[in-house]
PDB file of N, CA and C in Angstrom:
ATOM      1  N   MET A   1      94.242 139.872  83.317  1.00  0.00           N
ATOM      2  CA  MET A   1      94.857 140.406  84.498  1.00  0.00           C
ATOM      3  C   MET A   1      93.973 141.503  85.098  1.00  0.00           C
ATOM      4  N   TYR A   2      93.347 142.294  84.239  1.00  0.00           N
ATOM      5  CA  TYR A   2      92.475 143.369  84.716  1.00  0.00           C
ATOM      6  C   TYR A   2      91.319 142.801  85.541  1.00  0.00           C
ATOM      7  N   ASP A   3      90.692 141.733  85.063  1.00  0.00           N
ATOM      8  CA  ASP A   3      89.587 141.107  85.792  1.00  0.00           C
ATOM      9  C   ASP A   3      90.055 140.534  87.124  1.00  0.00           C
ATOM     10  N   PHE A   4      91.239 139.942  87.132  1.00  0.00           N
ATOM     11  CA  PHE A   4      91.803 139.401  88.375  1.00  0.00           C
ATOM     12  C   PHE A   4      92.039 140.529  89.381  1.00  0.00           C
ATOM     13  N   HIS A   5      92.563 141.631  88.909  1.00  0.00           N
ATOM     14  CA  HIS A   5      92.812 142.787  89.768  1.00  0.00           C
ATOM     15  C   HIS A   5      91.510 143.253  90.429  1.00  0.00           C
ATOM     16  N   GLY A   6      90.455 143.388  89.650  1.00  0.00           N
ATOM     17  CA  GLY A   6      89.161 143.808  90.188  1.00  0.00           C
ATOM     18  C   GLY A   6      88.565 142.789  91.150  1.00  0.00           C
ATOM     19  N   ALA A   7      88.641 141.518  90.785  1.00  0.00           N
ATOM     20  CA  ALA A   7      88.084 140.460  91.635  1.00  0.00           C
ATOM     21  C   ALA A   7      88.839 140.361  92.954  1.00  0.00           C
ATOM     22  N   LEU A   8      90.159 140.482  92.902  1.00  0.00           N
ATOM     23  CA  LEU A   8      90.959 140.405  94.125  1.00  0.00           C
ATOM     24  C   LEU A   8      90.632 141.566  95.062  1.00  0.00           C
ATOM     25  N   GLY A   9      90.494 142.753  94.504  1.00  0.00           N
ATOM     26  CA  GLY A   9      90.134 143.904  95.326  1.00  0.00           C
ATOM     27  C   GLY A   9      88.788 143.729  95.993  1.00  0.00           C
ATOM     28  N   GLN A  10      87.792 143.271  95.254  1.00  0.00           N
ATOM     29  CA  GLN A  10      86.468 143.020  95.827  1.00  0.00           C
ATOM     30  C   GLN A  10      86.540 141.930  96.888  1.00  0.00           C
ATOM     31  N   TYR A  11      87.281 140.879  96.601  1.00  0.00           N
ATOM     32  CA  TYR A  11      87.418 139.771  97.546  1.00  0.00           C
ATOM     33  C   TYR A  11      87.988 140.263  98.880  1.00  0.00           C
ATOM     34  N   ILE A  12      89.032 141.084  98.824  1.00  0.00           N
ATOM     35  CA  ILE A  12      89.668 141.571 100.049  1.00  0.00           C
ATOM     36  C   ILE A  12      88.703 142.438 100.846  1.00  0.00           C
ATOM     37  N   VAL A  13      87.976 143.319 100.165  1.00  0.00           N
ATOM     38  CA  VAL A  13      87.002 144.172 100.860  1.00  0.00           C
ATOM     39  C   VAL A  13      85.898 143.324 101.484  1.00  0.00           C
ATOM     40  N   TYR A  14      85.321 142.400 100.727  1.00  0.00           N
ATOM     41  CA  TYR A  14      84.246 141.548 101.254  1.00  0.00           C
ATOM     42  C   TYR A  14      84.743 140.688 102.408  1.00  0.00           C
ATOM     43  N   ARG A  15      85.944 140.131 102.275  1.00  0.00           N
ATOM     44  CA  ARG A  15      86.500 139.298 103.334  1.00  0.00           C
ATOM     45  C   ARG A  15      86.644 140.101 104.628  1.00  0.00           C
ATOM     46  N   ASN A  16      87.150 141.313 104.517  1.00  0.00           N
ATOM     47  CA  ASN A  16      87.305 142.163 105.699  1.00  0.00           C
ATOM     48  C   ASN A  16      85.962 142.502 106.324  1.00  0.00           C
ATOM     49  N   LEU A  17      84.963 142.810 105.500  1.00  0.00           N
ATOM     50  CA  LEU A  17      83.629 143.111 106.026  1.00  0.00           C
ATOM     51  C   LEU A  17      83.003 141.893 106.697  1.00  0.00           C
ATOM     52  N   ILE A  18      83.171 140.735 106.099  1.00  0.00           N
ATOM     53  CA  ILE A  18      82.631 139.507 106.696  1.00  0.00           C
ATOM     54  C   ILE A  18      83.308 139.209 108.026  1.00  0.00           C
ATOM     55  N   GLN A  19      84.609 139.421 108.096  1.00  0.00           N
ATOM     56  CA  GLN A  19      85.319 139.187 109.358  1.00  0.00           C
ATOM     57  C   GLN A  19      84.788 140.090 110.459  1.00  0.00           C
ATOM     58  N   LEU A  20      84.365 141.292 110.113  1.00  0.00           N
ATOM     59  CA  LEU A  20      83.832 142.226 111.097  1.00  0.00           C
ATOM     60  C   LEU A  20      82.389 141.931 111.476  1.00  0.00           C
ATOM     61  N   THR A  21      81.581 141.513 110.510  1.00  0.00           N
ATOM     62  CA  THR A  21      80.145 141.390 110.740  1.00  0.00           C
ATOM     63  C   THR A  21      79.651 139.956 110.943  1.00  0.00           C
ATOM     64  N   ALA A  22      80.312 139.003 110.346  1.00  0.00           N
ATOM     65  CA  ALA A  22      79.874 137.603 110.432  1.00  0.00           C
ATOM     66  C   ALA A  22      81.087 136.686 110.370  1.00  0.00           C
ATOM     67  N   PRO A  23      81.922 136.708 111.404  1.00  0.00           N
ATOM     68  CA  PRO A  23      83.192 135.966 111.358  1.00  0.00           C
ATOM     69  C   PRO A  23      83.042 134.450 111.254  1.00  0.00           C
ATOM     70  N   GLU A  24      81.847 133.927 111.446  1.00  0.00           N
ATOM     71  CA  GLU A  24      81.648 132.483 111.322  1.00  0.00           C
ATOM     72  C   GLU A  24      81.608 132.029 109.854  1.00  0.00           C
ATOM     73  N   TYR A  25      81.532 132.964 108.924  1.00  0.00           N
ATOM     74  CA  TYR A  25      81.503 132.647 107.497  1.00  0.00           C
ATOM     75  C   TYR A  25      82.898 132.721 106.892  1.00  0.00           C
ATOM     76  N   THR A  26      83.103 131.951 105.840  1.00  0.00           N
ATOM     77  CA  THR A  26      84.356 131.964 105.090  1.00  0.00           C
ATOM     78  C   THR A  26      84.046 132.330 103.653  1.00  0.00           C
ATOM     79  N   LEU A  27      84.795 133.265 103.108  1.00  0.00           N
ATOM     80  CA  LEU A  27      84.575 133.740 101.748  1.00  0.00           C
ATOM     81  C   LEU A  27      85.511 133.027 100.778  1.00  0.00           C
ATOM     82  N   TYR A  28      84.942 132.537  99.685  1.00  0.00           N
ATOM     83  CA  TYR A  28      85.712 131.924  98.598  1.00  0.00           C
ATOM     84  C   TYR A  28      85.436 132.700  97.321  1.00  0.00           C
ATOM     85  N   LEU A  29      86.449 132.810  96.476  1.00  0.00           N
ATOM     86  CA  LEU A  29      86.288 133.405  95.160  1.00  0.00           C
ATOM     87  C   LEU A  29      85.983 132.281  94.178  1.00  0.00           C
ATOM     88  N   GLY A  30      84.822 132.327  93.561  1.00  0.00           N
ATOM     89  CA  GLY A  30      84.430 131.310  92.591  1.00  0.00           C
ATOM     90  C   GLY A  30      84.985 131.637  91.215  1.00  0.00           C
ATOM     91  N   ILE A  31      85.654 130.668  90.601  1.00  0.00           N
ATOM     92  CA  ILE A  31      86.219 130.860  89.269  1.00  0.00           C
ATOM     93  C   ILE A  31      85.969 129.631  88.409  1.00  0.00           C
ATOM     94  N   ASP A  32      85.930 129.851  87.123  1.00  0.00           N
ATOM     95  CA  ASP A  32      85.794 128.752  86.175  1.00  0.00           C
ATOM     96  C   ASP A  32      87.007 127.836  86.281  1.00  0.00           C
ATOM     97  N   ASP A  33      86.777 126.542  86.247  1.00  0.00           N
ATOM     98  CA  ASP A  33      87.872 125.579  86.382  1.00  0.00           C
ATOM     99  C   ASP A  33      88.919 125.750  85.284  1.00  0.00           C
ATOM    100  N   ALA A  34      88.481 126.088  84.088  1.00  0.00           N
ATOM    101  CA  ALA A  34      89.428 126.292  82.986  1.00  0.00           C
ATOM    102  C   ALA A  34      90.338 127.495  83.263  1.00  0.00           C
ATOM    103  N   VAL A  35      89.794 128.537  83.864  1.00  0.00           N
ATOM    104  CA  VAL A  35      90.602 129.705  84.239  1.00  0.00           C
ATOM    105  C   VAL A  35      91.608 129.309  85.310  1.00  0.00           C
ATOM    106  N   TYR A  36      91.163 128.488  86.250  1.00  0.00           N
ATOM    107  CA  TYR A  36      92.086 128.021  87.288  1.00  0.00           C
ATOM    108  C   TYR A  36      93.221 127.212  86.664  1.00  0.00           C
ATOM    109  N   GLN A  37      92.899 126.307  85.756  1.00  0.00           N
ATOM    110  CA  GLN A  37      93.907 125.444  85.147  1.00  0.00           C
ATOM    111  C   GLN A  37      94.911 126.236  84.321  1.00  0.00           C
ATOM    112  N   ASP A  38      94.496 127.353  83.785  1.00  0.00           N
ATOM    113  CA  ASP A  38      95.387 128.163  82.939  1.00  0.00           C
ATOM    114  C   ASP A  38      95.995 129.317  83.735  1.00  0.00           C
ATOM    115  N   PHE A  39      95.175 130.296  84.062  1.00  0.00           N
ATOM    116  CA  PHE A  39      95.648 131.536  84.670  1.00  0.00           C
ATOM    117  C   PHE A  39      96.221 131.344  86.071  1.00  0.00           C
ATOM    118  N   PHE A  40      95.551 130.590  86.913  1.00  0.00           N
ATOM    119  CA  PHE A  40      95.967 130.458  88.312  1.00  0.00           C
ATOM    120  C   PHE A  40      97.137 129.497  88.512  1.00  0.00           C
ATOM    121  N   GLN A  41      97.657 128.917  87.447  1.00  0.00           N
ATOM    122  CA  GLN A  41      98.848 128.075  87.560  1.00  0.00           C
ATOM    123  C   GLN A  41     100.134 128.871  87.357  1.00  0.00           C
ATOM    124  N   ARG A  42     100.000 130.128  86.979  1.00  0.00           N
ATOM    125  CA  ARG A  42     101.177 130.987  86.826  1.00  0.00           C
ATOM    126  C   ARG A  42     101.784 131.243  88.206  1.00  0.00           C
ATOM    127  N   LYS A  43     103.080 131.176  88.288  1.00  0.00           N
ATOM    128  CA  LYS A  43     103.759 131.366  89.572  1.00  0.00           C
ATOM    129  C   LYS A  43     103.467 132.738  90.169  1.00  0.00           C
ATOM    130  N   SER A  44     103.408 133.755  89.329  1.00  0.00           N
ATOM    131  CA  SER A  44     103.127 135.107  89.834  1.00  0.00           C
ATOM    132  C   SER A  44     101.730 135.196  90.440  1.00  0.00           C
ATOM    133  N   ILE A  45     100.754 134.553  89.824  1.00  0.00           N
ATOM    134  CA  ILE A  45      99.381 134.576  90.338  1.00  0.00           C
ATOM    135  C   ILE A  45      99.287 133.747  91.616  1.00  0.00           C
ATOM    136  N   GLN A  46      99.981 132.610  91.653  1.00  0.00           N
ATOM    137  CA  GLN A  46     100.001 131.801  92.878  1.00  0.00           C
ATOM    138  C   GLN A  46     100.598 132.583  94.039  1.00  0.00           C
ATOM    139  N   LEU A  47     101.646 133.338  93.780  1.00  0.00           N
ATOM    140  CA  LEU A  47     102.271 134.155  94.815  1.00  0.00           C
ATOM    141  C   LEU A  47     101.304 135.224  95.335  1.00  0.00           C
ATOM    142  N   ILE A  48     100.622 135.893  94.428  1.00  0.00           N
ATOM    143  CA  ILE A  48      99.649 136.919  94.816  1.00  0.00           C
ATOM    144  C   ILE A  48      98.499 136.290  95.608  1.00  0.00           C
ATOM    145  N   ALA A  49      98.001 135.144  95.142  1.00  0.00           N
ATOM    146  CA  ALA A  49      96.911 134.465  95.842  1.00  0.00           C
ATOM    147  C   ALA A  49      97.336 134.062  97.255  1.00  0.00           C
ATOM    148  N   LYS A  50      98.528 133.541  97.388  1.00  0.00           N
ATOM    149  CA  LYS A  50      99.021 133.127  98.704  1.00  0.00           C
ATOM    150  C   LYS A  50      99.218 134.325  99.620  1.00  0.00           C
ATOM    151  N   GLU A  51      99.809 135.371  99.098  1.00  0.00           N
ATOM    152  CA  GLU A  51     100.081 136.581  99.881  1.00  0.00           C
ATOM    153  C   GLU A  51      98.789 137.214 100.409  1.00  0.00           C
ATOM    154  N   ASN A  52      97.716 137.087  99.633  1.00  0.00           N
ATOM    155  CA  ASN A  52      96.439 137.695 100.005  1.00  0.00           C
ATOM    156  C   ASN A  52      95.451 136.703 100.623  1.00  0.00           C
ATOM    157  N   ARG A  53      95.950 135.502 100.935  1.00  0.00           N
ATOM    158  CA  ARG A  53      95.122 134.465 101.566  1.00  0.00           C
ATOM    159  C   ARG A  53      93.822 134.233 100.786  1.00  0.00           C
ATOM    160  N   LEU A  54      93.957 134.102  99.476  1.00  0.00           N
ATOM    161  CA  LEU A  54      92.826 133.945  98.574  1.00  0.00           C
ATOM    162  C   LEU A  54      92.343 132.494  98.607  1.00  0.00           C
ATOM    163  N   LEU A  55      91.084 132.309  98.969  1.00  0.00           N
ATOM    164  CA  LEU A  55      90.466 130.988  98.957  1.00  0.00           C
ATOM    165  C   LEU A  55      89.648 130.872  97.676  1.00  0.00           C
ATOM    166  N   LEU A  56      89.798 129.756  96.976  1.00  0.00           N
ATOM    167  CA  LEU A  56      89.152 129.582  95.680  1.00  0.00           C
ATOM    168  C   LEU A  56      88.167 128.427  95.680  1.00  0.00           C
ATOM    169  N   MET A  57      87.148 128.580  94.858  1.00  0.00           N
ATOM    170  CA  MET A  57      86.208 127.509  94.575  1.00  0.00           C
ATOM    171  C   MET A  57      86.151 127.428  93.049  1.00  0.00           C
ATOM    172  N   THR A  58      86.570 126.306  92.476  1.00  0.00           N
ATOM    173  CA  THR A  58      86.523 126.175  91.027  1.00  0.00           C
ATOM    174  C   THR A  58      85.201 125.527  90.619  1.00  0.00           C
ATOM    175  N   VAL A  59      84.667 126.034  89.517  1.00  0.00           N
ATOM    176  CA  VAL A  59      83.341 125.620  89.055  1.00  0.00           C
ATOM    177  C   VAL A  59      83.411 125.244  87.590  1.00  0.00           C
ATOM    178  N   GLU A  60      82.751 124.168  87.223  1.00  0.00           N
ATOM    179  CA  GLU A  60      82.582 123.798  85.820  1.00  0.00           C
ATOM    180  C   GLU A  60      81.312 124.518  85.380  1.00  0.00           C
ATOM    181  N   MET A  61      81.476 125.556  84.605  1.00  0.00           N
ATOM    182  CA  MET A  61      80.379 126.478  84.316  1.00  0.00           C
ATOM    183  C   MET A  61      79.232 125.844  83.524  1.00  0.00           C
ATOM    184  N   LYS A  62      79.553 124.954  82.628  1.00  0.00           N
ATOM    185  CA  LYS A  62      78.507 124.368  81.785  1.00  0.00           C
ATOM    186  C   LYS A  62      77.457 123.648  82.626  1.00  0.00           C
ATOM    187  N   ASN A  63      77.906 122.869  83.595  1.00  0.00           N
ATOM    188  CA  ASN A  63      76.987 122.109  84.451  1.00  0.00           C
ATOM    189  C   ASN A  63      76.734 122.782  85.792  1.00  0.00           C
ATOM    190  N   GLU A  64      77.345 123.938  86.001  1.00  0.00           N
ATOM    191  CA  GLU A  64      77.237 124.663  87.270  1.00  0.00           C
ATOM    192  C   GLU A  64      77.578 123.745  88.444  1.00  0.00           C
ATOM    193  N   GLU A  65      78.695 123.054  88.302  1.00  0.00           N
ATOM    194  CA  GLU A  65      79.128 122.069  89.296  1.00  0.00           C
ATOM    195  C   GLU A  65      80.436 122.518  89.947  1.00  0.00           C
ATOM    196  N   ILE A  66      80.465 122.468  91.274  1.00  0.00           N
ATOM    197  CA  ILE A  66      81.691 122.786  91.989  1.00  0.00           C
ATOM    198  C   ILE A  66      82.677 121.653  91.778  1.00  0.00           C
ATOM    199  N   ILE A  67      83.885 122.003  91.353  1.00  0.00           N
ATOM    200  CA  ILE A  67      84.924 121.022  91.103  1.00  0.00           C
ATOM    201  C   ILE A  67      85.789 120.822  92.347  1.00  0.00           C
ATOM    202  N   GLN A  68      86.255 121.943  92.919  1.00  0.00           N
ATOM    203  CA  GLN A  68      87.101 121.822  94.105  1.00  0.00           C
ATOM    204  C   GLN A  68      87.103 123.095  94.921  1.00  0.00           C
ATOM    205  N   TRP A  69      87.374 122.919  96.211  1.00  0.00           N
ATOM    206  CA  TRP A  69      87.580 124.020  97.139  1.00  0.00           C
ATOM    207  C   TRP A  69      89.082 124.078  97.396  1.00  0.00           C
ATOM    208  N   ILE A  70      89.676 125.251  97.232  1.00  0.00           N
ATOM    209  CA  ILE A  70      91.118 125.382  97.364  1.00  0.00           C
ATOM    210  C   ILE A  70      91.428 126.381  98.461  1.00  0.00           C
ATOM    211  N   ASN A  71      92.045 125.869  99.511  1.00  0.00           N
ATOM    212  CA  ASN A  71      92.431 126.743 100.629  1.00  0.00           C
ATOM    213  C   ASN A  71      93.819 127.221 100.385  1.00  0.00           C
TER     214      ASN A  71
END
């Protein structure tokens, strides 16, 4: 939860800066697919992600392969 708290805060700051300086870009938070399958399936985390308009990109870390883009 501590790591999520830090990542969400950074994401919000970066997203706001990008909207001001380069609005043509879209920011995604990259996370390990296993973390998405476990941690991000919790209803409380889904609610927080939705409330903060969190865009996710899941990655299979071993092969460094993007699994999915989640809006």
